[in-house]
Amino acid sequence: MISSLFNHFIRFVLLLLLQVWVINNIRLYGLFHPQVYPLFLLLLPIESPALVLLLIGFAAGFTVDFFTHTGALHASALLVTALLRPYVLRLLRPAGGYQPEDRPTVAGMGFMWFFTYAALLLFVHHTWLFIMETFSLYQLLFVIGKIVLSTAAALAIALIMQYLFFSKSKPRLA
C-alpha cells in the first residue's frame, strides 16, 4: 500500500512538472492549452472513496494553482472532475461490475473504456477551467474551440502515456 501511494505521488509530481515546465509554455494562438495533470486523478484506484477524491483533487488543483498563479481556478476544475468521477465510473461500469484488481487504465480496462472515461472527464475539466477562466460569453466560439482542441490534445497525451508507461496486461472484456 505504501508503494502504491508513493507511485501515485510520483505520478502527480511528474505530471505537474510536465504541465508547468513543458505544456504551459507551448502556445498555439491561445487555442491549445491541454491540461494533463487531471490524469493523476483519473488514474487513482476505481474503489477510491468520494471524499478522498475530493480532498486529493483540491490539494492537487491548489498545487497547480500555486505554480501557475491562477488563484483557485485549477482547484475548482479538479474538484468538479473529482465530484463527477464516481458517476462516470458508474456510467461505464462493465456488465459484471468492477473487480478489485481493475485499474482505470488502457491495460486494465481496454482502449475504448479508457478513451471514453478519459474523454468525458477531461472534457468536463477543460470546460469548467476555460469557462471559469474567461467568465464571459464575449468569446464563446474561441472558448469552445479552446475546449475542444485542448481536450483532444490532453486525451492524445494521456493515451500516449498509457502505452509508454503502463504494463501490457490483458484488458477485461465485459
Protein backbone atom coordinates (compact mmCIF):
# COMPACT_ATOMS: atom_id res chain seq x y z
CA MET A 1 0.00 0.00 0.00
CA ILE A 2 2.83 2.41 0.81
CA SER A 3 4.45 1.72 -2.56
CA SER A 4 1.09 2.36 -4.26
CA LEU A 5 0.74 5.73 -2.50
CA PHE A 6 4.34 6.56 -3.39
CA ASN A 7 3.68 5.65 -7.05
CA HIS A 8 0.62 7.92 -7.18
CA PHE A 9 2.59 10.75 -5.56
CA ILE A 10 5.45 10.37 -8.06
CA ARG A 11 2.92 10.29 -10.91
CA PHE A 12 1.42 13.56 -9.67
CA VAL A 13 4.82 15.24 -9.36
CA LEU A 14 5.83 14.13 -12.88
CA LEU A 15 2.51 15.27 -14.38
CA LEU A 16 2.79 18.57 -12.53
CA LEU A 17 6.31 19.14 -13.85
CA LEU A 18 5.23 18.20 -17.38
CA GLN A 19 2.30 20.61 -17.12
CA VAL A 20 4.15 23.56 -15.61
CA TRP A 21 7.51 23.33 -17.36
CA VAL A 22 6.58 21.98 -20.79
CA ILE A 23 2.93 22.14 -21.78
CA ASN A 24 2.15 25.55 -20.26
CA ASN A 25 4.95 27.01 -22.39
CA ILE A 26 3.50 25.78 -25.69
CA ARG A 27 1.27 28.40 -27.28
CA LEU A 28 -0.71 27.96 -30.46
CA TYR A 29 -2.72 31.17 -30.96
CA GLY A 30 -4.20 30.70 -27.50
CA LEU A 31 -6.31 27.73 -28.68
CA PHE A 32 -4.02 24.97 -27.49
CA HIS A 33 -3.70 24.65 -23.75
CA PRO A 34 -4.14 20.99 -22.75
CA GLN A 35 -4.16 20.11 -19.07
CA VAL A 36 -2.53 16.74 -18.36
CA TYR A 37 -2.39 16.91 -14.58
CA PRO A 38 -6.03 15.69 -14.24
CA LEU A 39 -4.73 12.32 -15.43
CA PHE A 40 -3.40 11.91 -11.89
CA LEU A 41 -6.96 11.93 -10.54
CA LEU A 42 -8.26 9.71 -13.35
CA LEU A 43 -5.67 7.02 -12.63
CA LEU A 44 -6.43 6.66 -8.93
CA PRO A 45 -7.94 3.29 -7.99
CA ILE A 46 -11.56 2.75 -9.01
CA GLU A 47 -12.62 2.00 -5.44
CA SER A 48 -11.27 5.33 -4.09
CA PRO A 49 -13.82 6.93 -1.73
CA ALA A 50 -15.51 10.11 -2.98
CA LEU A 51 -14.32 12.20 -0.03
CA VAL A 52 -10.71 11.13 -0.62
CA LEU A 53 -11.05 12.04 -4.31
CA LEU A 54 -12.35 15.49 -3.39
CA LEU A 55 -9.54 16.11 -0.89
CA ILE A 56 -6.88 14.88 -3.30
CA GLY A 57 -8.47 16.85 -6.15
CA PHE A 58 -8.45 20.06 -4.13
CA ALA A 59 -4.86 19.56 -2.96
CA ALA A 60 -3.62 18.72 -6.45
CA GLY A 61 -5.50 21.62 -8.04
CA PHE A 62 -4.29 24.01 -5.38
CA THR A 63 -0.72 22.88 -6.05
CA VAL A 64 -1.13 23.59 -9.76
CA ASP A 65 -2.66 26.98 -8.90
CA PHE A 66 0.33 27.76 -6.71
CA PHE A 67 2.79 27.12 -9.54
CA THR A 68 0.72 28.82 -12.24
CA HIS A 69 -0.53 31.80 -10.16
CA THR A 70 -4.19 31.22 -11.05
CA GLY A 71 -5.98 31.65 -7.74
CA ALA A 72 -8.23 28.65 -7.24
CA LEU A 73 -9.06 28.06 -10.90
CA HIS A 74 -7.38 24.65 -11.22
CA ALA A 75 -8.53 23.60 -7.75
CA SER A 76 -12.15 24.24 -8.71
CA ALA A 77 -11.81 22.42 -12.04
CA LEU A 78 -10.22 19.40 -10.38
CA LEU A 79 -12.89 19.42 -7.65
CA VAL A 80 -15.62 19.28 -10.30
CA THR A 81 -13.75 16.44 -12.03
CA ALA A 82 -13.35 14.56 -8.74
CA LEU A 83 -17.02 15.09 -7.96
CA LEU A 84 -18.14 13.63 -11.31
CA ARG A 85 -15.62 10.76 -11.48
CA PRO A 86 -17.75 8.27 -9.48
CA TYR A 87 -20.74 8.99 -11.74
CA VAL A 88 -18.69 8.44 -14.89
CA LEU A 89 -17.32 5.20 -13.43
CA ARG A 90 -20.87 4.10 -12.67
CA LEU A 91 -21.96 5.02 -16.20
CA LEU A 92 -19.12 2.97 -17.73
CA ARG A 93 -19.36 0.02 -15.33
CA PRO A 94 -18.94 -3.32 -17.15
CA ALA A 95 -21.82 -5.81 -17.07
CA GLY A 96 -20.22 -7.83 -14.27
CA GLY A 97 -19.20 -4.75 -12.29
CA TYR A 98 -15.69 -3.73 -11.37
CA GLN A 99 -13.33 -6.27 -9.86
CA PRO A 100 -10.83 -5.39 -7.09
CA GLU A 101 -7.91 -5.84 -9.49
CA ASP A 102 -9.37 -3.47 -12.13
CA ARG A 103 -7.39 -0.31 -12.76
CA PRO A 104 -8.63 2.69 -14.78
CA THR A 105 -6.01 2.24 -17.48
CA VAL A 106 -5.92 1.01 -21.08
CA ALA A 107 -4.13 -2.12 -19.89
CA GLY A 108 -6.66 -2.73 -17.13
CA MET A 109 -9.99 -1.93 -18.81
CA GLY A 110 -9.30 -1.75 -22.54
CA PHE A 111 -8.83 1.05 -25.05
CA MET A 112 -12.48 2.02 -25.64
CA TRP A 113 -13.33 2.06 -21.95
CA PHE A 114 -10.32 4.25 -21.11
CA PHE A 115 -10.85 6.50 -24.14
CA THR A 116 -14.48 7.15 -23.15
CA TYR A 117 -13.64 7.56 -19.45
CA ALA A 118 -10.75 9.96 -20.04
CA ALA A 119 -12.54 11.89 -22.79
CA LEU A 120 -15.59 12.55 -20.60
CA LEU A 121 -13.63 13.64 -17.54
CA LEU A 122 -11.03 15.67 -19.45
CA PHE A 123 -13.84 17.41 -21.33
CA VAL A 124 -15.58 18.27 -18.04
CA HIS A 125 -12.30 19.54 -16.58
CA HIS A 126 -11.35 21.65 -19.60
CA THR A 127 -14.88 23.03 -19.96
CA TRP A 128 -15.03 24.17 -16.34
CA LEU A 129 -11.48 25.53 -16.43
CA PHE A 130 -11.82 27.59 -19.60
CA ILE A 131 -15.34 28.86 -18.92
CA MET A 132 -14.32 30.00 -15.44
CA GLU A 133 -11.13 31.49 -16.83
CA THR A 134 -12.99 33.59 -19.40
CA PHE A 135 -16.23 34.06 -17.43
CA SER A 136 -17.82 35.80 -20.38
CA LEU A 137 -19.93 34.99 -23.41
CA TYR A 138 -17.98 37.54 -25.42
CA GLN A 139 -15.51 34.98 -26.78
CA LEU A 140 -17.81 31.96 -26.75
CA LEU A 141 -16.62 30.47 -30.06
CA PHE A 142 -13.00 30.96 -29.08
CA VAL A 143 -13.62 29.24 -25.71
CA ILE A 144 -15.44 26.34 -27.39
CA GLY A 145 -12.54 25.91 -29.81
CA LYS A 146 -10.08 26.03 -26.94
CA ILE A 147 -12.08 23.41 -25.01
CA VAL A 148 -12.28 21.04 -27.98
CA LEU A 149 -8.65 21.36 -29.11
CA SER A 150 -7.21 21.25 -25.61
CA THR A 151 -9.33 18.26 -24.60
CA ALA A 152 -8.33 16.40 -27.76
CA ALA A 153 -4.65 17.17 -27.17
CA ALA A 154 -4.82 16.17 -23.48
CA LEU A 155 -6.58 12.93 -24.44
CA ALA A 156 -3.92 12.17 -27.05
CA ILE A 157 -1.17 12.81 -24.48
CA ALA A 158 -2.99 10.61 -21.94
CA LEU A 159 -3.26 7.76 -24.46
CA ILE A 160 0.41 8.06 -25.43
CA MET A 161 1.37 7.98 -21.76
CA GLN A 162 -0.79 4.89 -21.23
CA TYR A 163 1.09 2.99 -23.91
CA LEU A 164 4.50 4.25 -22.82
CA PHE A 165 4.27 3.77 -19.05
CA PHE A 166 1.71 1.11 -18.21
CA SER A 167 2.26 -2.63 -18.46
CA LYS A 168 0.66 -4.54 -21.25
CA SER A 169 -1.73 -6.78 -19.37
CA LYS A 170 -4.81 -8.34 -20.87
CA PRO A 171 -7.80 -5.94 -20.60
CA ARG A 172 -11.05 -7.13 -19.15
CA LEU A 173 -13.69 -7.79 -21.76
CA ALA A 174 -17.09 -7.16 -20.12
